[in-house]
PDB file of all heavy atoms in Angstrom:
ATOM      1  N   GLU A   1       0.747  89.286 168.749  1.00  0.00           N
ATOM      2  CA  GLU A   1       0.531  89.957 170.073  1.00  0.00           C
ATOM      3  C   GLU A   1       0.728  88.953 171.275  1.00  0.00           C
ATOM      4  O   GLU A   1       1.509  89.131 172.089  1.00  0.00           O
ATOM      5  CB  GLU A   1      -0.771  90.607 170.084  1.00  0.00           C
ATOM      6  CG  GLU A   1      -0.947  91.794 169.064  1.00  0.00           C
ATOM      7  CD  GLU A   1      -2.355  92.444 169.200  1.00  0.00           C
ATOM      8  OE1 GLU A   1      -2.744  92.692 170.438  1.00  0.00           O
ATOM      9  OE2 GLU A   1      -2.913  92.806 168.186  1.00  0.00           O
ATOM     10  N   VAL A   2      -0.176  87.919 171.170  1.00  0.00           N
ATOM     11  CA  VAL A   2      -0.210  86.993 172.365  1.00  0.00           C
ATOM     12  C   VAL A   2       1.042  86.250 172.586  1.00  0.00           C
ATOM     13  O   VAL A   2       1.704  86.175 173.706  1.00  0.00           O
ATOM     14  CB  VAL A   2      -1.422  86.091 172.397  1.00  0.00           C
ATOM     15  CG1 VAL A   2      -1.445  85.128 173.469  1.00  0.00           C
ATOM     16  CG2 VAL A   2      -2.736  86.871 172.324  1.00  0.00           C
ATOM     17  N   ILE A   3       1.522  85.598 171.581  1.00  0.00           N
ATOM     18  CA  ILE A   3       2.670  84.694 171.652  1.00  0.00           C
ATOM     19  C   ILE A   3       3.922  85.443 171.962  1.00  0.00           C
ATOM     20  O   ILE A   3       4.672  85.014 172.913  1.00  0.00           O
ATOM     21  CB  ILE A   3       2.807  83.860 170.297  1.00  0.00           C
ATOM     22  CG1 ILE A   3       1.698  82.915 170.274  1.00  0.00           C
ATOM     23  CG2 ILE A   3       4.183  83.235 170.212  1.00  0.00           C
ATOM     24  CD1 ILE A   3       1.552  82.050 168.936  1.00  0.00           C
ATOM     25  N   PRO A   4       4.351  86.562 171.282  1.00  0.00           N
ATOM     26  CA  PRO A   4       5.473  87.262 171.750  1.00  0.00           C
ATOM     27  C   PRO A   4       5.372  87.866 173.133  1.00  0.00           C
ATOM     28  O   PRO A   4       6.250  87.819 173.969  1.00  0.00           O
ATOM     29  CB  PRO A   4       5.472  88.441 170.747  1.00  0.00           C
ATOM     30  CG  PRO A   4       4.771  88.067 169.571  1.00  0.00           C
ATOM     31  CD  PRO A   4       3.660  87.177 170.107  1.00  0.00           C
ATOM     32  N   ALA A   5       4.262  88.399 173.591  1.00  0.00           N
ATOM     33  CA  ALA A   5       4.039  88.907 174.917  1.00  0.00           C
ATOM     34  C   ALA A   5       4.252  87.891 176.058  1.00  0.00           C
ATOM     35  O   ALA A   5       4.677  88.148 177.077  1.00  0.00           O
ATOM     36  CB  ALA A   5       2.657  89.572 175.001  1.00  0.00           C
ATOM     37  N   GLY A   6       3.888  86.583 175.618  1.00  0.00           N
ATOM     38  CA  GLY A   6       3.918  85.555 176.633  1.00  0.00           C
ATOM     39  C   GLY A   6       5.264  84.848 176.549  1.00  0.00           C
ATOM     40  O   GLY A   6       5.505  83.911 177.433  1.00  0.00           O
ATOM     41  N   GLY A   7       6.084  85.137 175.602  1.00  0.00           N
ATOM     42  CA  GLY A   7       7.345  84.380 175.496  1.00  0.00           C
ATOM     43  C   GLY A   7       7.208  83.037 174.913  1.00  0.00           C
ATOM     44  O   GLY A   7       7.960  82.041 175.229  1.00  0.00           O
ATOM     45  N   TYR A   8       6.090  82.810 174.217  1.00  0.00           N
ATOM     46  CA  TYR A   8       5.775  81.418 173.833  1.00  0.00           C
ATOM     47  C   TYR A   8       6.537  81.131 172.465  1.00  0.00           C
ATOM     48  O   TYR A   8       7.051  82.015 171.845  1.00  0.00           O
ATOM     49  CB  TYR A   8       4.287  81.211 173.640  1.00  0.00           C
ATOM     50  CG  TYR A   8       3.455  81.686 174.848  1.00  0.00           C
ATOM     51  CD1 TYR A   8       2.256  82.390 174.789  1.00  0.00           C
ATOM     52  CD2 TYR A   8       3.834  81.219 176.073  1.00  0.00           C
ATOM     53  CE1 TYR A   8       1.679  82.750 175.940  1.00  0.00           C
ATOM     54  CE2 TYR A   8       3.199  81.540 177.184  1.00  0.00           C
ATOM     55  CZ  TYR A   8       2.088  82.243 177.039  1.00  0.00           C
ATOM     56  OH  TYR A   8       1.387  82.684 178.352  1.00  0.00           O
ATOM     57  N   ARG A   9       6.459  79.926 172.020  1.00  0.00           N
ATOM     58  CA  ARG A   9       7.252  79.404 170.839  1.00  0.00           C
ATOM     59  C   ARG A   9       6.230  78.972 169.641  1.00  0.00           C
ATOM     60  O   ARG A   9       5.437  78.060 169.896  1.00  0.00           O
ATOM     61  CB  ARG A   9       8.207  78.265 171.219  1.00  0.00           C
ATOM     62  CG  ARG A   9       9.085  77.867 169.949  1.00  0.00           C
ATOM     63  CD  ARG A   9      10.092  76.958 170.396  1.00  0.00           C
ATOM     64  NE  ARG A   9       9.623  75.701 170.948  1.00  0.00           N
ATOM     65  CZ  ARG A   9       9.250  74.670 170.161  1.00  0.00           C
ATOM     66  NH1 ARG A   9       9.416  74.756 168.770  1.00  0.00           N
ATOM     67  NH2 ARG A   9       8.889  73.547 170.821  1.00  0.00           N
ATOM     68  N   ILE A  10       6.440  79.581 168.517  1.00  0.00           N
ATOM     69  CA  ILE A  10       5.741  79.144 167.360  1.00  0.00           C
ATOM     70  C   ILE A  10       6.523  78.077 166.505  1.00  0.00           C
ATOM     71  O   ILE A  10       7.728  78.212 166.274  1.00  0.00           O
ATOM     72  CB  ILE A  10       5.485  80.343 166.360  1.00  0.00           C
ATOM     73  CG1 ILE A  10       4.540  81.320 167.007  1.00  0.00           C
ATOM     74  CG2 ILE A  10       4.936  79.871 165.043  1.00  0.00           C
ATOM     75  CD1 ILE A  10       4.401  82.608 166.101  1.00  0.00           C
ATOM     76  N   GLU A  11       5.846  76.974 166.250  1.00  0.00           N
ATOM     77  CA  GLU A  11       6.538  76.004 165.393  1.00  0.00           C
ATOM     78  C   GLU A  11       6.286  76.248 163.937  1.00  0.00           C
ATOM     79  O   GLU A  11       7.115  76.071 163.063  1.00  0.00           O
ATOM     80  CB  GLU A  11       5.940  74.552 165.798  1.00  0.00           C
ATOM     81  CG  GLU A  11       6.652  73.497 164.964  1.00  0.00           C
ATOM     82  CD  GLU A  11       6.263  72.116 165.323  1.00  0.00           C
ATOM     83  OE1 GLU A  11       6.302  71.799 166.554  1.00  0.00           O
ATOM     84  OE2 GLU A  11       5.893  71.240 164.537  1.00  0.00           O
ATOM     85  N   TYR A  12       5.091  76.603 163.646  1.00  0.00           N
ATOM     86  CA  TYR A  12       4.601  76.850 162.282  1.00  0.00           C
ATOM     87  C   TYR A  12       3.430  77.791 162.319  1.00  0.00           C
ATOM     88  O   TYR A  12       2.478  77.725 162.965  1.00  0.00           O
ATOM     89  CB  TYR A  12       4.262  75.575 161.515  1.00  0.00           C
ATOM     90  CG  TYR A  12       3.918  75.682 160.127  1.00  0.00           C
ATOM     91  CD1 TYR A  12       5.039  75.976 159.202  1.00  0.00           C
ATOM     92  CD2 TYR A  12       2.765  75.642 159.478  1.00  0.00           C
ATOM     93  CE1 TYR A  12       4.793  76.269 157.866  1.00  0.00           C
ATOM     94  CE2 TYR A  12       2.393  75.826 158.267  1.00  0.00           C
ATOM     95  CZ  TYR A  12       3.522  76.066 157.316  1.00  0.00           C
ATOM     96  OH  TYR A  12       3.297  76.332 156.041  1.00  0.00           O
ATOM     97  N   ALA A  13       3.417  78.714 161.286  1.00  0.00           N
ATOM     98  CA  ALA A  13       2.334  79.571 160.996  1.00  0.00           C
ATOM     99  C   ALA A  13       2.144  79.935 159.614  1.00  0.00           C
ATOM    100  O   ALA A  13       3.193  80.074 158.926  1.00  0.00           O
ATOM    101  CB  ALA A  13       2.625  80.944 161.812  1.00  0.00           C
ATOM    102  N   THR A  14       0.845  79.947 159.162  1.00  0.00           N
ATOM    103  CA  THR A  14       0.664  80.250 157.765  1.00  0.00           C
ATOM    104  C   THR A  14      -0.692  80.956 157.608  1.00  0.00           C
ATOM    105  O   THR A  14      -1.613  80.585 158.342  1.00  0.00           O
ATOM    106  CB  THR A  14       0.606  78.979 156.900  1.00  0.00           C
ATOM    107  OG1 THR A  14       0.223  79.358 155.474  1.00  0.00           O
ATOM    108  CG2 THR A  14      -0.322  77.949 157.335  1.00  0.00           C
ATOM    109  N   ALA A  15      -0.753  81.943 156.801  1.00  0.00           N
ATOM    110  CA  ALA A  15      -2.024  82.642 156.595  1.00  0.00           C
ATOM    111  C   ALA A  15      -2.903  82.010 155.500  1.00  0.00           C
ATOM    112  O   ALA A  15      -4.043  82.485 155.311  1.00  0.00           O
ATOM    113  CB  ALA A  15      -1.793  84.125 156.220  1.00  0.00           C
ATOM    114  N   ASP A  16      -2.446  80.985 154.848  1.00  0.00           N
ATOM    115  CA  ASP A  16      -3.202  80.169 153.948  1.00  0.00           C
ATOM    116  C   ASP A  16      -2.833  78.845 153.926  1.00  0.00           C
ATOM    117  O   ASP A  16      -1.847  78.426 153.195  1.00  0.00           O
ATOM    118  CB  ASP A  16      -3.039  80.820 152.513  1.00  0.00           C
ATOM    119  CG  ASP A  16      -3.953  80.271 151.474  1.00  0.00           C
ATOM    120  OD1 ASP A  16      -4.672  79.280 151.750  1.00  0.00           O
ATOM    121  OD2 ASP A  16      -4.071  80.867 150.392  1.00  0.00           O
ATOM    122  N   LEU A  17      -3.489  77.949 154.782  1.00  0.00           N
ATOM    123  CA  LEU A  17      -3.061  76.588 155.055  1.00  0.00           C
ATOM    124  C   LEU A  17      -2.933  75.703 153.888  1.00  0.00           C
ATOM    125  O   LEU A  17      -2.001  74.978 153.625  1.00  0.00           O
ATOM    126  CB  LEU A  17      -4.055  75.977 155.987  1.00  0.00           C
ATOM    127  CG  LEU A  17      -3.894  74.451 156.335  1.00  0.00           C
ATOM    128  CD1 LEU A  17      -2.472  74.250 156.986  1.00  0.00           C
ATOM    129  CD2 LEU A  17      -5.104  74.050 157.228  1.00  0.00           C
ATOM    130  N   TYR A  18      -3.830  75.936 152.816  1.00  0.00           N
ATOM    131  CA  TYR A  18      -3.893  75.032 151.695  1.00  0.00           C
ATOM    132  C   TYR A  18      -3.139  75.532 150.497  1.00  0.00           C
ATOM    133  O   TYR A  18      -3.086  74.897 149.487  1.00  0.00           O
ATOM    134  CB  TYR A  18      -5.376  74.694 151.372  1.00  0.00           C
ATOM    135  CG  TYR A  18      -6.125  73.922 152.444  1.00  0.00           C
ATOM    136  CD1 TYR A  18      -6.845  74.649 153.292  1.00  0.00           C
ATOM    137  CD2 TYR A  18      -5.869  72.683 152.588  1.00  0.00           C
ATOM    138  CE1 TYR A  18      -7.545  73.912 154.452  1.00  0.00           C
ATOM    139  CE2 TYR A  18      -6.422  71.933 153.711  1.00  0.00           C
ATOM    140  CZ  TYR A  18      -7.317  72.639 154.534  1.00  0.00           C
ATOM    141  OH  TYR A  18      -7.959  71.934 155.545  1.00  0.00           O
ATOM    142  N   ALA A  19      -2.413  76.536 150.703  1.00  0.00           N
ATOM    143  CA  ALA A  19      -1.629  77.110 149.513  1.00  0.00           C
ATOM    144  C   ALA A  19      -0.363  76.265 149.340  1.00  0.00           C
ATOM    145  O   ALA A  19       0.187  76.312 148.258  1.00  0.00           O
ATOM    146  CB  ALA A  19      -1.181  78.622 149.930  1.00  0.00           C
ATOM    147  N   THR A  20      -0.040  75.585 150.359  1.00  0.00           N
ATOM    148  CA  THR A  20       1.180  74.768 150.367  1.00  0.00           C
ATOM    149  C   THR A  20       0.648  73.319 150.574  1.00  0.00           C
ATOM    150  O   THR A  20       0.297  72.908 151.666  1.00  0.00           O
ATOM    151  CB  THR A  20       2.242  75.063 151.397  1.00  0.00           C
ATOM    152  OG1 THR A  20       2.570  76.471 151.391  1.00  0.00           O
ATOM    153  CG2 THR A  20       3.435  74.051 151.298  1.00  0.00           C
ATOM    154  N   PRO A  21       0.798  72.409 149.595  1.00  0.00           N
ATOM    155  CA  PRO A  21       0.359  71.046 149.681  1.00  0.00           C
ATOM    156  C   PRO A  21       1.339  70.282 150.704  1.00  0.00           C
ATOM    157  O   PRO A  21       2.541  70.547 150.624  1.00  0.00           O
ATOM    158  CB  PRO A  21       0.569  70.364 148.317  1.00  0.00           C
ATOM    159  CG  PRO A  21       0.496  71.630 147.363  1.00  0.00           C
ATOM    160  CD  PRO A  21       1.095  72.716 148.122  1.00  0.00           C
ATOM    161  N   ALA A  22       0.733  69.596 151.607  1.00  0.00           N
ATOM    162  CA  ALA A  22       1.429  68.930 152.621  1.00  0.00           C
ATOM    163  C   ALA A  22       2.482  68.052 152.033  1.00  0.00           C
ATOM    164  O   ALA A  22       3.651  67.952 152.620  1.00  0.00           O
ATOM    165  CB  ALA A  22       0.478  68.186 153.689  1.00  0.00           C
ATOM    166  N   ASP A  23       2.177  67.305 151.052  1.00  0.00           N
ATOM    167  CA  ASP A  23       3.119  66.336 150.442  1.00  0.00           C
ATOM    168  C   ASP A  23       4.364  67.049 149.880  1.00  0.00           C
ATOM    169  O   ASP A  23       5.332  66.384 149.577  1.00  0.00           O
ATOM    170  CB  ASP A  23       2.420  65.382 149.529  1.00  0.00           C
ATOM    171  CG  ASP A  23       1.787  66.025 148.297  1.00  0.00           C
ATOM    172  OD1 ASP A  23       2.002  67.279 148.163  1.00  0.00           O
ATOM    173  OD2 ASP A  23       1.159  65.449 147.598  1.00  0.00           O
ATOM    174  N   SER A  24       4.277  68.355 149.626  1.00  0.00           N
ATOM    175  CA  SER A  24       5.430  69.059 149.026  1.00  0.00           C
ATOM    176  C   SER A  24       6.358  69.475 150.212  1.00  0.00           C
ATOM    177  O   SER A  24       7.446  70.005 149.832  1.00  0.00           O
ATOM    178  CB  SER A  24       4.940  70.270 148.244  1.00  0.00           C
ATOM    179  OG  SER A  24       4.447  71.296 149.099  1.00  0.00           O
ATOM    180  N   ARG A  25       5.918  69.472 151.431  1.00  0.00           N
ATOM    181  CA  ARG A  25       6.788  69.828 152.502  1.00  0.00           C
ATOM    182  C   ARG A  25       6.798  68.895 153.635  1.00  0.00           C
ATOM    183  O   ARG A  25       6.241  68.978 154.727  1.00  0.00           O
ATOM    184  CB  ARG A  25       6.250  71.132 153.153  1.00  0.00           C
ATOM    185  CG  ARG A  25       6.297  72.440 152.222  1.00  0.00           C
ATOM    186  CD  ARG A  25       7.783  72.679 151.782  1.00  0.00           C
ATOM    187  NE  ARG A  25       8.678  72.999 152.907  1.00  0.00           N
ATOM    188  CZ  ARG A  25       8.792  74.025 153.563  1.00  0.00           C
ATOM    189  NH1 ARG A  25       8.214  75.127 153.067  1.00  0.00           N
ATOM    190  NH2 ARG A  25       9.700  74.144 154.580  1.00  0.00           N
ATOM    191  N   PRO A  26       7.465  67.702 153.339  1.00  0.00           N
ATOM    192  CA  PRO A  26       7.542  66.646 154.480  1.00  0.00           C
ATOM    193  C   PRO A  26       8.343  67.119 155.665  1.00  0.00           C
ATOM    194  O   PRO A  26       8.320  66.465 156.606  1.00  0.00           O
ATOM    195  CB  PRO A  26       8.231  65.465 153.704  1.00  0.00           C
ATOM    196  CG  PRO A  26       9.016  66.186 152.520  1.00  0.00           C
ATOM    197  CD  PRO A  26       8.122  67.316 152.144  1.00  0.00           C
ATOM    198  N   ASP A  27       9.132  68.126 155.454  1.00  0.00           N
ATOM    199  CA  ASP A  27       9.885  68.720 156.653  1.00  0.00           C
ATOM    200  C   ASP A  27       8.967  69.381 157.566  1.00  0.00           C
ATOM    201  O   ASP A  27       9.487  69.811 158.747  1.00  0.00           O
ATOM    202  CB  ASP A  27      10.960  69.753 156.100  1.00  0.00           C
ATOM    203  CG  ASP A  27      10.319  70.831 155.300  1.00  0.00           C
ATOM    204  OD1 ASP A  27       9.441  70.529 154.439  1.00  0.00           O
ATOM    205  OD2 ASP A  27      10.858  71.957 155.475  1.00  0.00           O
ATOM    206  N   ILE A  28       7.688  69.634 157.263  1.00  0.00           N
ATOM    207  CA  ILE A  28       6.815  70.260 158.168  1.00  0.00           C
ATOM    208  C   ILE A  28       5.559  69.317 158.491  1.00  0.00           C
ATOM    209  O   ILE A  28       4.534  69.343 157.863  1.00  0.00           O
ATOM    210  CB  ILE A  28       6.253  71.603 157.568  1.00  0.00           C
ATOM    211  CG1 ILE A  28       7.309  72.438 157.078  1.00  0.00           C
ATOM    212  CG2 ILE A  28       5.309  72.277 158.658  1.00  0.00           C
ATOM    213  CD1 ILE A  28       6.854  73.760 156.452  1.00  0.00           C
ATOM    214  N   PRO A  29       5.775  68.314 159.340  1.00  0.00           N
ATOM    215  CA  PRO A  29       4.768  67.295 159.582  1.00  0.00           C
ATOM    216  C   PRO A  29       3.507  67.778 160.114  1.00  0.00           C
ATOM    217  O   PRO A  29       2.557  67.276 159.779  1.00  0.00           O
ATOM    218  CB  PRO A  29       5.407  66.419 160.611  1.00  0.00           C
ATOM    219  CG  PRO A  29       6.565  67.199 161.244  1.00  0.00           C
ATOM    220  CD  PRO A  29       6.982  68.099 160.221  1.00  0.00           C
ATOM    221  N   CYS A  30       3.500  68.902 160.819  1.00  0.00           N
ATOM    222  CA  CYS A  30       2.263  69.520 161.233  1.00  0.00           C
ATOM    223  C   CYS A  30       1.349  70.013 160.158  1.00  0.00           C
ATOM    224  O   CYS A  30       0.158  70.138 160.422  1.00  0.00           O
ATOM    225  CB  CYS A  30       2.504  70.611 162.381  1.00  0.00           C
ATOM    226  SG  CYS A  30       3.286  72.022 161.628  1.00  0.00           S
ATOM    227  N   LEU A  31       1.896  70.251 158.996  1.00  0.00           N
ATOM    228  CA  LEU A  31       1.143  70.736 157.894  1.00  0.00           C
ATOM    229  C   LEU A  31       0.194  69.563 157.460  1.00  0.00           C
ATOM    230  O   LEU A  31      -0.994  69.845 157.147  1.00  0.00           O
ATOM    231  CB  LEU A  31       2.082  71.139 156.739  1.00  0.00           C
ATOM    232  CG  LEU A  31       1.532  71.969 155.509  1.00  0.00           C
ATOM    233  CD1 LEU A  31       0.903  73.431 156.107  1.00  0.00           C
ATOM    234  CD2 LEU A  31       2.538  72.240 154.456  1.00  0.00           C
ATOM    235  N   ALA A  32       0.793  68.513 157.287  1.00  0.00           N
ATOM    236  CA  ALA A  32      -0.098  67.262 156.858  1.00  0.00           C
ATOM    237  C   ALA A  32      -1.177  67.055 158.086  1.00  0.00           C
ATOM    238  O   ALA A  32      -2.402  66.855 157.680  1.00  0.00           O
ATOM    239  CB  ALA A  32       0.699  66.034 156.791  1.00  0.00           C
ATOM    240  N   GLU A  33      -0.757  67.141 159.307  1.00  0.00           N
ATOM    241  CA  GLU A  33      -1.786  67.002 160.332  1.00  0.00           C
ATOM    242  C   GLU A  33      -2.893  68.003 160.224  1.00  0.00           C
ATOM    243  O   GLU A  33      -3.970  67.633 160.376  1.00  0.00           O
ATOM    244  CB  GLU A  33      -1.011  67.082 161.701  1.00  0.00           C
ATOM    245  CG  GLU A  33      -1.816  66.934 162.857  1.00  0.00           C
ATOM    246  CD  GLU A  33      -1.013  66.937 164.150  1.00  0.00           C
ATOM    247  OE1 GLU A  33      -0.020  67.563 164.147  1.00  0.00           O
ATOM    248  OE2 GLU A  33      -1.497  66.430 165.185  1.00  0.00           O
ATOM    249  N   ALA A  34      -2.615  69.230 159.949  1.00  0.00           N
ATOM    250  CA  ALA A  34      -3.605  70.308 159.879  1.00  0.00           C
ATOM    251  C   ALA A  34      -4.462  70.162 158.648  1.00  0.00           C
ATOM    252  O   ALA A  34      -5.651  70.546 158.673  1.00  0.00           O
ATOM    253  CB  ALA A  34      -2.883  71.716 159.946  1.00  0.00           C
ATOM    254  N   GLN A  35      -4.006  69.553 157.542  1.00  0.00           N
ATOM    255  CA  GLN A  35      -4.757  69.362 156.405  1.00  0.00           C
ATOM    256  C   GLN A  35      -5.565  68.044 156.203  1.00  0.00           C
ATOM    257  O   GLN A  35      -6.398  67.984 155.361  1.00  0.00           O
ATOM    258  CB  GLN A  35      -3.822  69.549 155.166  1.00  0.00           C
ATOM    259  CG  GLN A  35      -3.245  70.892 154.899  1.00  0.00           C
ATOM    260  CD  GLN A  35      -2.353  70.936 153.724  1.00  0.00           C
ATOM    261  OE1 GLN A  35      -2.187  69.993 152.892  1.00  0.00           O
ATOM    262  NE2 GLN A  35      -1.695  72.027 153.467  1.00  0.00           N
ATOM    263  N   MET A  36      -5.259  67.166 157.096  1.00  0.00           N
ATOM    264  CA  MET A  36      -5.802  65.871 156.889  1.00  0.00           C
ATOM    265  C   MET A  36      -7.314  65.744 157.188  1.00  0.00           C
ATOM    266  O   MET A  36      -7.968  64.794 156.740  1.00  0.00           O
ATOM    267  CB  MET A  36      -5.068  64.784 157.757  1.00  0.00           C
ATOM    268  CG  MET A  36      -5.248  64.870 159.299  1.00  0.00           C
ATOM    269  SD  MET A  36      -4.439  63.573 160.117  1.00  0.00           S
ATOM    270  CE  MET A  36      -2.786  63.565 159.444  1.00  0.00           C
ATOM    271  N   THR A  37      -7.963  66.655 157.929  1.00  0.00           N
ATOM    272  CA  THR A  37      -9.236  66.750 158.127  1.00  0.00           C
ATOM    273  C   THR A  37      -9.869  68.030 158.202  1.00  0.00           C
ATOM    274  O   THR A  37      -9.107  68.904 158.625  1.00  0.00           O
ATOM    275  CB  THR A  37      -9.676  65.886 159.387  1.00  0.00           C
ATOM    276  OG1 THR A  37     -11.049  65.637 159.537  1.00  0.00           O
ATOM    277  CG2 THR A  37      -9.237  66.622 160.665  1.00  0.00           C
ATOM    278  N   GLN A  38     -11.117  68.190 158.068  1.00  0.00           N
ATOM    279  CA  GLN A  38     -11.691  69.525 157.893  1.00  0.00           C
ATOM    280  C   GLN A  38     -13.002  69.470 158.703  1.00  0.00           C
ATOM    281  O   GLN A  38     -13.839  68.573 158.703  1.00  0.00           O
ATOM    282  CB  GLN A  38     -12.022  69.847 156.512  1.00  0.00           C
ATOM    283  CG  GLN A  38     -10.772  70.090 155.697  1.00  0.00           C
ATOM    284  CD  GLN A  38     -11.075  70.296 154.184  1.00  0.00           C
ATOM    285  OE1 GLN A  38     -12.211  70.320 153.763  1.00  0.00           O
ATOM    286  NE2 GLN A  38     -10.081  70.502 153.365  1.00  0.00           N
ATOM    287  N   THR A  39     -13.332  70.680 159.436  1.00  0.00           N
ATOM    288  CA  THR A  39     -14.677  70.826 160.131  1.00  0.00           C
ATOM    289  C   THR A  39     -15.715  71.262 159.110  1.00  0.00           C
ATOM    290  O   THR A  39     -15.456  71.541 157.973  1.00  0.00           O
ATOM    291  CB  THR A  39     -14.587  71.877 161.138  1.00  0.00           C
ATOM    292  OG1 THR A  39     -14.463  73.163 160.501  1.00  0.00           O
ATOM    293  CG2 THR A  39     -13.323  71.709 162.046  1.00  0.00           C
ATOM    294  N   PHE A  40     -16.956  71.138 159.546  1.00  0.00           N
ATOM    295  CA  PHE A  40     -18.126  71.545 158.691  1.00  0.00           C
ATOM    296  C   PHE A  40     -17.888  73.093 158.311  1.00  0.00           C
ATOM    297  O   PHE A  40     -18.014  73.342 157.035  1.00  0.00           O
ATOM    298  CB  PHE A  40     -19.472  71.408 159.520  1.00  0.00           C
ATOM    299  CG  PHE A  40     -20.501  72.154 158.940  1.00  0.00           C
ATOM    300  CD1 PHE A  40     -21.285  71.445 157.903  1.00  0.00           C
ATOM    301  CD2 PHE A  40     -21.009  73.430 159.304  1.00  0.00           C
ATOM    302  CE1 PHE A  40     -22.444  72.144 157.244  1.00  0.00           C
ATOM    303  CE2 PHE A  40     -22.049  73.997 158.684  1.00  0.00           C
ATOM    304  CZ  PHE A  40     -22.755  73.401 157.765  1.00  0.00           C
ATOM    305  N   TYR A  41     -17.531  73.866 159.192  1.00  0.00           N
ATOM    306  CA  TYR A  41     -17.366  75.341 158.833  1.00  0.00           C
ATOM    307  C   TYR A  41     -16.146  75.508 157.897  1.00  0.00           C
ATOM    308  O   TYR A  41     -16.179  76.398 157.027  1.00  0.00           O
ATOM    309  CB  TYR A  41     -17.130  76.193 160.068  1.00  0.00           C
ATOM    310  CG  TYR A  41     -18.516  76.287 160.925  1.00  0.00           C
ATOM    311  CD1 TYR A  41     -18.655  75.665 162.085  1.00  0.00           C
ATOM    312  CD2 TYR A  41     -19.519  77.062 160.499  1.00  0.00           C
ATOM    313  CE1 TYR A  41     -19.760  75.610 162.782  1.00  0.00           C
ATOM    314  CE2 TYR A  41     -20.740  77.110 161.153  1.00  0.00           C
ATOM    315  CZ  TYR A  41     -20.881  76.328 162.354  1.00  0.00           C
ATOM    316  OH  TYR A  41     -21.983  76.492 163.111  1.00  0.00           O
ATOM    317  N   GLU A  42     -15.063  74.724 158.083  1.00  0.00           N
ATOM    318  CA  GLU A  42     -13.923  74.866 157.268  1.00  0.00           C
ATOM    319  C   GLU A  42     -14.365  74.525 155.768  1.00  0.00           C
ATOM    320  O   GLU A  42     -13.891  75.182 154.883  1.00  0.00           O
ATOM    321  CB  GLU A  42     -12.894  73.907 157.776  1.00  0.00           C
ATOM    322  CG  GLU A  42     -11.588  74.064 156.917  1.00  0.00           C
ATOM    323  CD  GLU A  42     -10.420  73.214 157.652  1.00  0.00           C
ATOM    324  OE1 GLU A  42     -10.709  72.583 158.733  1.00  0.00           O
ATOM    325  OE2 GLU A  42      -9.354  73.203 157.014  1.00  0.00           O
ATOM    326  N   ARG A  43     -15.053  73.460 155.566  1.00  0.00           N
ATOM    327  CA  ARG A  43     -15.474  73.151 154.199  1.00  0.00           C
ATOM    328  C   ARG A  43     -16.410  74.238 153.580  1.00  0.00           C
ATOM    329  O   ARG A  43     -16.273  74.585 152.327  1.00  0.00           O
ATOM    330  CB  ARG A  43     -16.329  71.824 154.156  1.00  0.00           C
ATOM    331  CG  ARG A  43     -15.408  70.500 154.580  1.00  0.00           C
ATOM    332  CD  ARG A  43     -16.112  69.309 154.401  1.00  0.00           C
ATOM    333  NE  ARG A  43     -17.272  69.123 155.302  1.00  0.00           N
ATOM    334  CZ  ARG A  43     -17.166  68.568 156.438  1.00  0.00           C
ATOM    335  NH1 ARG A  43     -15.998  68.078 156.872  1.00  0.00           N
ATOM    336  NH2 ARG A  43     -18.280  68.507 157.292  1.00  0.00           N
ATOM    337  N   MET A  44     -17.197  74.854 154.517  1.00  0.00           N
ATOM    338  CA  MET A  44     -18.069  75.910 153.974  1.00  0.00           C
ATOM    339  C   MET A  44     -17.118  77.184 153.518  1.00  0.00           C
ATOM    340  O   MET A  44     -17.402  77.770 152.531  1.00  0.00           O
ATOM    341  CB  MET A  44     -19.054  76.276 155.163  1.00  0.00           C
ATOM    342  CG  MET A  44     -20.006  77.400 154.649  1.00  0.00           C
ATOM    343  SD  MET A  44     -21.064  77.729 156.006  1.00  0.00           S
ATOM    344  CE  MET A  44     -20.074  78.379 157.377  1.00  0.00           C
ATOM    345  N   TYR A  45     -16.251  77.420 154.459  1.00  0.00           N
ATOM    346  CA  TYR A  45     -15.330  78.580 154.099  1.00  0.00           C
ATOM    347  C   TYR A  45     -14.515  78.350 152.885  1.00  0.00           C
ATOM    348  O   TYR A  45     -14.262  79.380 152.038  1.00  0.00           O
ATOM    349  CB  TYR A  45     -14.407  78.888 155.258  1.00  0.00           C
ATOM    350  CG  TYR A  45     -15.138  79.296 156.531  1.00  0.00           C
ATOM    351  CD1 TYR A  45     -14.666  78.896 157.813  1.00  0.00           C
ATOM    352  CD2 TYR A  45     -16.330  80.197 156.517  1.00  0.00           C
ATOM    353  CE1 TYR A  45     -15.372  79.309 158.989  1.00  0.00           C
ATOM    354  CE2 TYR A  45     -16.963  80.589 157.654  1.00  0.00           C
ATOM    355  CZ  TYR A  45     -16.526  80.072 158.867  1.00  0.00           C
ATOM    356  OH  TYR A  45     -17.079  80.459 160.013  1.00  0.00           O
TER     357      TYR A  45
END
């Protein structure tokens, strides 16, 4: 909703971040960036 309405650009989107190991997709550097650290709530979830 928000991104298409604003004309913004998506680089990467996933509904399950850890379903794809970052080292299996070196072509998506932001995947490793997103997986390299976790918040307290993230670990709980």
